[in-house]
Amino acid sequence: MPQNDNTVCENAVDEKVHCFTAKFESLHQAFGTPEVPIDKLLRRVGTIKNANQWESFVATLGGINAGYRANASIRVQPTTMCRRTDGVTRRSKRLACRRPAMGTKRASKRPRNLANAISHNQPNAKSHGSGH
């Protein structure tokens, strides 16, 4: 029984292909077709070598683009892309909006340790309002 379903489906596809060719011929008879676009279409059909290329051709012929849109992402300026840190994408994709991982924790303030500041050749951190 499943083989019968496949033959019915193939017959339906064959009928649609026949309908398409008949419609194409009737439009050509009614309006005519310029030579340059037909040559381009024939060249493109001539390059098809496998089933994937054929499916892609049929999909783009009908105006269906498989998952690609020209305005899919919001563009950003090139300098903002190059200013991003190493962990962040270099393209115009969305930035990751979640908490940073536990292993990447940095000290937010400089410790007030005079011996440490001297050994690292840095100025000593000062508390608010006293001593300056």
N, C-alpha and C. Protein backbone atom coordinates (compact mmCIF):
# COMPACT_ATOMS: atom_id res chain seq x y z
N MET A 1 0.81 -1.21 0.00
CA MET A 1 0.00 0.00 0.00
C MET A 1 0.85 1.28 0.00
N PRO A 2 1.99 1.35 0.78
CA PRO A 2 2.79 2.57 0.74
C PRO A 2 3.35 2.86 -0.65
N GLN A 3 3.64 1.82 -1.46
CA GLN A 3 4.15 2.06 -2.80
C GLN A 3 3.10 2.78 -3.64
N ASN A 4 1.84 2.46 -3.43
CA ASN A 4 0.76 3.13 -4.13
C ASN A 4 0.74 4.62 -3.82
N ASP A 5 0.98 4.95 -2.53
CA ASP A 5 1.00 6.36 -2.13
C ASP A 5 2.12 7.11 -2.83
N ASN A 6 3.29 6.47 -2.97
CA ASN A 6 4.41 7.11 -3.65
C ASN A 6 4.10 7.35 -5.12
N THR A 7 3.48 6.38 -5.77
CA THR A 7 3.16 6.58 -7.19
C THR A 7 2.11 7.67 -7.37
N VAL A 8 1.17 7.77 -6.44
CA VAL A 8 0.18 8.85 -6.50
C VAL A 8 0.86 10.19 -6.33
N CYS A 9 1.80 10.24 -5.37
CA CYS A 9 2.53 11.48 -5.12
C CYS A 9 3.39 11.85 -6.32
N GLU A 10 4.09 10.86 -6.91
CA GLU A 10 4.91 11.13 -8.07
C GLU A 10 4.05 11.58 -9.25
N ASN A 11 2.87 10.98 -9.40
CA ASN A 11 1.97 11.40 -10.47
C ASN A 11 1.52 12.85 -10.25
N ALA A 12 1.28 13.22 -9.00
CA ALA A 12 0.88 14.60 -8.71
C ALA A 12 2.02 15.56 -9.05
N VAL A 13 3.25 15.18 -8.73
CA VAL A 13 4.40 16.03 -9.06
C VAL A 13 4.58 16.10 -10.57
N ASP A 14 4.41 14.96 -11.24
CA ASP A 14 4.52 14.95 -12.70
C ASP A 14 3.46 15.85 -13.34
N GLU A 15 2.26 15.82 -12.79
CA GLU A 15 1.21 16.69 -13.31
C GLU A 15 1.54 18.17 -13.09
N LYS A 16 2.14 18.48 -11.94
CA LYS A 16 2.52 19.87 -11.67
C LYS A 16 3.62 20.32 -12.61
N VAL A 17 4.59 19.43 -12.89
CA VAL A 17 5.66 19.77 -13.83
C VAL A 17 5.07 19.98 -15.22
N HIS A 18 4.15 19.12 -15.62
CA HIS A 18 3.49 19.28 -16.92
C HIS A 18 2.70 20.59 -16.96
N CYS A 19 2.01 20.91 -15.89
CA CYS A 19 1.27 22.17 -15.80
C CYS A 19 2.21 23.36 -15.91
N PHE A 20 3.37 23.27 -15.26
CA PHE A 20 4.36 24.36 -15.32
C PHE A 20 4.85 24.56 -16.75
N THR A 21 5.20 23.47 -17.42
CA THR A 21 5.72 23.60 -18.79
C THR A 21 4.64 24.14 -19.73
N ALA A 22 3.39 23.70 -19.53
CA ALA A 22 2.30 24.22 -20.37
C ALA A 22 2.10 25.71 -20.13
N LYS A 23 2.15 26.12 -18.87
CA LYS A 23 1.99 27.54 -18.54
C LYS A 23 3.15 28.36 -19.11
N PHE A 24 4.36 27.81 -19.03
CA PHE A 24 5.54 28.50 -19.57
C PHE A 24 5.39 28.69 -21.08
N GLU A 25 4.96 27.65 -21.78
CA GLU A 25 4.78 27.75 -23.23
C GLU A 25 3.68 28.75 -23.59
N SER A 26 2.58 28.75 -22.82
CA SER A 26 1.49 29.69 -23.13
C SER A 26 1.93 31.13 -22.87
N LEU A 27 2.70 31.35 -21.83
CA LEU A 27 3.21 32.71 -21.58
C LEU A 27 4.20 33.14 -22.65
N HIS A 28 5.01 32.20 -23.11
CA HIS A 28 5.95 32.51 -24.20
C HIS A 28 5.19 32.86 -25.48
N GLN A 29 4.12 32.12 -25.78
CA GLN A 29 3.33 32.41 -26.97
C GLN A 29 2.62 33.76 -26.85
N ALA A 30 2.17 34.09 -25.64
CA ALA A 30 1.41 35.33 -25.45
C ALA A 30 2.31 36.57 -25.44
N PHE A 31 3.44 36.49 -24.74
CA PHE A 31 4.26 37.69 -24.53
C PHE A 31 5.61 37.64 -25.22
N GLY A 32 6.05 36.47 -25.64
CA GLY A 32 7.39 36.35 -26.21
C GLY A 32 8.43 36.32 -25.10
N THR A 33 9.62 35.87 -25.43
CA THR A 33 10.69 35.78 -24.44
C THR A 33 11.97 36.33 -25.05
N PRO A 34 12.65 37.26 -24.37
CA PRO A 34 13.93 37.77 -24.89
C PRO A 34 14.99 36.66 -24.91
N GLU A 35 15.95 36.80 -25.81
CA GLU A 35 16.94 35.75 -26.01
C GLU A 35 17.94 35.65 -24.86
N VAL A 36 18.36 36.79 -24.30
CA VAL A 36 19.40 36.77 -23.26
C VAL A 36 18.93 36.04 -21.99
N PRO A 37 17.73 36.32 -21.46
CA PRO A 37 17.32 35.57 -20.27
C PRO A 37 17.15 34.07 -20.53
N ILE A 38 16.69 33.70 -21.73
CA ILE A 38 16.55 32.27 -22.03
C ILE A 38 17.92 31.60 -22.10
N ASP A 39 18.91 32.30 -22.69
CA ASP A 39 20.27 31.74 -22.72
C ASP A 39 20.82 31.55 -21.32
N LYS A 40 20.56 32.52 -20.46
CA LYS A 40 21.03 32.42 -19.08
C LYS A 40 20.34 31.26 -18.36
N LEU A 41 19.04 31.10 -18.59
CA LEU A 41 18.30 29.99 -17.98
C LEU A 41 18.83 28.64 -18.48
N LEU A 42 19.10 28.54 -19.76
CA LEU A 42 19.62 27.28 -20.31
C LEU A 42 21.02 26.98 -19.77
N ARG A 43 21.86 28.02 -19.64
CA ARG A 43 23.19 27.80 -19.05
C ARG A 43 23.08 27.31 -17.62
N ARG A 44 22.15 27.90 -16.87
CA ARG A 44 21.99 27.49 -15.47
C ARG A 44 21.46 26.07 -15.36
N VAL A 45 20.52 25.70 -16.21
CA VAL A 45 20.00 24.33 -16.20
C VAL A 45 21.10 23.36 -16.63
N GLY A 46 21.97 23.79 -17.55
CA GLY A 46 23.04 22.92 -18.02
C GLY A 46 24.09 22.61 -16.97
N THR A 47 24.19 23.43 -15.93
CA THR A 47 25.20 23.19 -14.88
C THR A 47 24.72 22.23 -13.81
N ILE A 48 23.46 21.82 -13.85
CA ILE A 48 22.92 20.94 -12.81
C ILE A 48 23.45 19.52 -13.01
N LYS A 49 24.08 18.98 -11.95
CA LYS A 49 24.68 17.65 -12.03
C LYS A 49 24.11 16.65 -11.04
N ASN A 50 23.45 17.13 -9.96
CA ASN A 50 22.93 16.19 -8.95
C ASN A 50 21.58 16.67 -8.41
N ALA A 51 21.01 15.87 -7.52
CA ALA A 51 19.66 16.15 -7.01
C ALA A 51 19.63 17.42 -6.15
N ASN A 52 20.69 17.66 -5.37
CA ASN A 52 20.70 18.86 -4.53
C ASN A 52 20.69 20.13 -5.37
N GLN A 53 21.48 20.13 -6.44
CA GLN A 53 21.49 21.30 -7.31
C GLN A 53 20.13 21.50 -7.98
N TRP A 54 19.48 20.40 -8.35
CA TRP A 54 18.17 20.51 -8.98
C TRP A 54 17.14 21.08 -8.00
N GLU A 55 17.15 20.58 -6.75
CA GLU A 55 16.20 21.10 -5.74
C GLU A 55 16.46 22.57 -5.47
N SER A 56 17.72 22.96 -5.40
CA SER A 56 18.04 24.36 -5.18
C SER A 56 17.56 25.22 -6.36
N PHE A 57 17.75 24.71 -7.58
CA PHE A 57 17.29 25.45 -8.76
C PHE A 57 15.78 25.62 -8.75
N VAL A 58 15.06 24.56 -8.46
CA VAL A 58 13.59 24.64 -8.45
C VAL A 58 13.12 25.57 -7.35
N ALA A 59 13.77 25.53 -6.18
CA ALA A 59 13.36 26.39 -5.07
C ALA A 59 13.61 27.86 -5.41
N THR A 60 14.75 28.18 -6.00
CA THR A 60 15.03 29.58 -6.33
C THR A 60 14.23 30.05 -7.53
N LEU A 61 13.82 29.12 -8.39
CA LEU A 61 12.98 29.48 -9.53
C LEU A 61 11.62 29.95 -9.05
N GLY A 62 11.13 29.34 -7.98
CA GLY A 62 9.84 29.73 -7.44
C GLY A 62 9.91 30.88 -6.46
N GLY A 63 11.08 31.43 -6.25
CA GLY A 63 11.22 32.55 -5.33
C GLY A 63 11.34 32.13 -3.89
N ILE A 64 11.54 30.85 -3.64
CA ILE A 64 11.69 30.37 -2.27
C ILE A 64 13.17 30.27 -1.99
N ASN A 65 13.67 31.08 -1.10
CA ASN A 65 15.07 31.00 -0.73
C ASN A 65 15.18 30.19 0.54
N ALA A 66 15.98 29.18 0.55
CA ALA A 66 16.04 28.24 1.67
C ALA A 66 16.79 28.85 2.85
N GLY A 67 16.10 29.60 3.68
CA GLY A 67 16.68 30.08 4.92
C GLY A 67 17.53 31.32 4.81
N TYR A 68 17.68 31.94 3.67
CA TYR A 68 18.54 33.10 3.55
C TYR A 68 17.70 34.32 3.22
N ARG A 69 17.92 35.38 3.98
CA ARG A 69 17.29 36.66 3.67
C ARG A 69 18.37 37.71 3.65
N ALA A 70 18.25 38.67 2.77
CA ALA A 70 19.28 39.69 2.64
C ALA A 70 19.34 40.57 3.89
N ASN A 71 18.22 40.81 4.54
CA ASN A 71 18.20 41.69 5.71
C ASN A 71 18.02 40.89 6.99
N ALA A 72 18.61 39.72 7.07
CA ALA A 72 18.40 38.85 8.22
C ALA A 72 19.06 39.38 9.47
N SER A 73 20.16 40.10 9.33
CA SER A 73 20.85 40.60 10.52
C SER A 73 20.93 42.12 10.46
N ILE A 74 20.95 42.73 11.62
CA ILE A 74 21.08 44.19 11.70
C ILE A 74 22.56 44.52 11.60
N ARG A 75 22.91 45.32 10.64
CA ARG A 75 24.32 45.63 10.40
C ARG A 75 24.85 46.59 11.46
N VAL A 76 26.14 46.46 11.76
CA VAL A 76 26.80 47.37 12.69
C VAL A 76 28.02 47.95 12.00
N GLN A 77 28.55 49.01 12.58
CA GLN A 77 29.71 49.67 11.99
C GLN A 77 30.95 48.79 12.10
N PRO A 78 31.85 48.85 11.14
CA PRO A 78 33.03 47.98 11.17
C PRO A 78 33.91 48.21 12.39
N THR A 79 33.99 49.45 12.86
CA THR A 79 34.85 49.70 14.02
C THR A 79 34.30 49.06 15.28
N THR A 80 32.98 48.96 15.41
CA THR A 80 32.44 48.30 16.60
C THR A 80 32.72 46.82 16.57
N MET A 81 32.78 46.23 15.38
CA MET A 81 33.11 44.80 15.29
C MET A 81 34.55 44.55 15.72
N CYS A 82 35.46 45.43 15.31
CA CYS A 82 36.86 45.17 15.64
C CYS A 82 37.19 45.56 17.08
N ARG A 83 36.35 46.35 17.73
CA ARG A 83 36.60 46.72 19.13
C ARG A 83 36.11 45.67 20.11
N ARG A 84 35.38 44.68 19.64
CA ARG A 84 34.84 43.68 20.56
C ARG A 84 35.94 42.80 21.11
N THR A 85 35.73 42.30 22.31
CA THR A 85 36.73 41.46 22.95
C THR A 85 36.80 40.10 22.27
N ASP A 86 37.76 39.28 22.68
CA ASP A 86 38.03 38.02 22.00
C ASP A 86 36.88 37.03 22.10
N GLY A 87 36.18 36.99 23.22
CA GLY A 87 35.12 36.01 23.38
C GLY A 87 33.86 36.34 22.62
N VAL A 88 33.76 37.55 22.07
CA VAL A 88 32.54 38.02 21.42
C VAL A 88 32.71 37.88 19.91
N THR A 89 31.63 37.64 19.21
CA THR A 89 31.69 37.43 17.77
C THR A 89 32.21 38.67 17.05
N ARG A 90 32.88 38.45 15.94
CA ARG A 90 33.42 39.54 15.13
C ARG A 90 32.48 39.95 14.01
N ARG A 91 31.32 39.36 13.95
CA ARG A 91 30.37 39.68 12.89
C ARG A 91 29.26 40.56 13.45
N SER A 92 28.25 40.81 12.63
CA SER A 92 27.15 41.65 13.09
C SER A 92 26.01 40.81 13.63
N LYS A 93 26.37 39.80 14.41
CA LYS A 93 25.35 39.00 15.07
C LYS A 93 25.04 39.60 16.43
N ARG A 94 24.01 39.06 17.06
CA ARG A 94 23.67 39.55 18.39
C ARG A 94 24.75 39.19 19.38
N LEU A 95 24.95 40.06 20.35
CA LEU A 95 25.89 39.76 21.42
C LEU A 95 25.22 38.82 22.41
N ALA A 96 26.04 37.99 23.05
CA ALA A 96 25.50 37.07 24.03
C ALA A 96 25.00 37.86 25.24
N CYS A 97 23.77 37.61 25.66
CA CYS A 97 23.19 38.39 26.75
C CYS A 97 22.89 37.47 27.92
N ARG A 98 23.91 37.02 28.57
CA ARG A 98 23.73 36.20 29.76
C ARG A 98 24.89 36.46 30.70
N ARG A 99 24.79 35.90 31.88
CA ARG A 99 25.86 36.11 32.86
C ARG A 99 27.15 35.46 32.37
N PRO A 100 28.29 36.06 32.68
CA PRO A 100 29.56 35.45 32.27
C PRO A 100 29.79 34.15 33.03
N ALA A 101 30.63 33.29 32.49
CA ALA A 101 30.92 32.00 33.11
C ALA A 101 31.63 32.22 34.44
N MET A 102 31.54 31.21 35.31
CA MET A 102 32.12 31.33 36.64
C MET A 102 33.65 31.44 36.60
N GLY A 103 34.28 30.85 35.63
CA GLY A 103 35.74 30.85 35.58
C GLY A 103 36.35 32.16 35.13
N THR A 104 35.56 33.08 34.57
CA THR A 104 36.11 34.31 34.03
C THR A 104 35.89 35.50 34.95
N LYS A 105 35.90 35.29 36.25
CA LYS A 105 35.66 36.38 37.19
C LYS A 105 36.94 37.20 37.37
N ARG A 106 36.80 38.51 37.29
CA ARG A 106 37.93 39.42 37.46
C ARG A 106 37.71 40.27 38.70
N ALA A 107 38.80 40.71 39.28
CA ALA A 107 38.70 41.61 40.42
C ALA A 107 38.22 42.97 39.92
N SER A 108 37.19 43.52 40.57
CA SER A 108 36.65 44.77 40.09
C SER A 108 37.40 45.97 40.66
N LYS A 109 38.07 45.81 41.79
CA LYS A 109 38.81 46.92 42.39
C LYS A 109 40.24 46.49 42.67
N ARG A 110 41.11 47.43 42.69
CA ARG A 110 42.51 47.17 43.04
C ARG A 110 42.61 46.99 44.56
N PRO A 111 43.32 45.95 45.02
CA PRO A 111 43.42 45.76 46.47
C PRO A 111 44.26 46.86 47.12
N ARG A 112 43.89 47.24 48.35
CA ARG A 112 44.65 48.28 49.09
C ARG A 112 45.77 47.59 49.87
N ASN A 113 46.81 47.26 49.15
CA ASN A 113 47.93 46.56 49.76
C ASN A 113 49.20 47.25 49.27
N LEU A 114 49.87 47.98 50.14
CA LEU A 114 51.02 48.78 49.76
C LEU A 114 52.17 47.91 49.28
N ALA A 115 52.44 46.78 49.96
CA ALA A 115 53.54 45.91 49.55
C ALA A 115 53.28 45.31 48.16
N ASN A 116 52.03 44.92 47.89
CA ASN A 116 51.67 44.37 46.58
C ASN A 116 51.81 45.43 45.50
N ALA A 117 51.39 46.67 45.78
CA ALA A 117 51.48 47.76 44.80
C ALA A 117 52.94 48.06 44.48
N ILE A 118 53.81 48.03 45.49
CA ILE A 118 55.23 48.31 45.27
C ILE A 118 55.86 47.19 44.44
N SER A 119 55.52 45.94 44.76
CA SER A 119 56.12 44.83 44.02
C SER A 119 55.65 44.78 42.57
N HIS A 120 54.45 45.23 42.29
CA HIS A 120 53.95 45.26 40.91
C HIS A 120 54.19 46.60 40.22
N ASN A 121 54.89 47.53 40.91
CA ASN A 121 55.21 48.84 40.35
C ASN A 121 53.94 49.58 39.90
N GLN A 122 52.93 49.57 40.80
CA GLN A 122 51.67 50.24 40.53
C GLN A 122 51.39 51.23 41.65
N PRO A 123 50.59 52.27 41.37
CA PRO A 123 50.19 53.15 42.47
C PRO A 123 49.26 52.42 43.42
N ASN A 124 49.32 52.78 44.68
CA ASN A 124 48.50 52.13 45.69
C ASN A 124 47.06 52.62 45.57
N ALA A 125 46.09 51.71 45.74
CA ALA A 125 44.69 52.06 45.69
C ALA A 125 44.33 52.86 46.93
N LYS A 126 43.49 53.86 46.74
CA LYS A 126 43.09 54.72 47.87
C LYS A 126 41.62 54.54 48.13
N SER A 127 41.25 54.58 49.39
CA SER A 127 39.85 54.52 49.72
C SER A 127 39.20 55.89 49.47
N HIS A 128 37.92 55.93 49.48
CA HIS A 128 37.21 57.16 49.14
C HIS A 128 37.45 58.23 50.18
N GLY A 129 37.88 59.39 49.70
CA GLY A 129 37.89 60.58 50.51
C GLY A 129 39.02 60.76 51.49
N SER A 130 39.84 59.79 51.73
CA SER A 130 40.91 60.00 52.73
C SER A 130 42.26 59.91 52.05
N GLY A 131 43.10 60.86 52.36
CA GLY A 131 44.48 60.83 51.88
C GLY A 131 44.71 61.42 50.50
N HIS A 132 43.72 62.07 49.97
CA HIS A 132 43.95 62.72 48.68
C HIS A 132 43.00 63.88 48.47
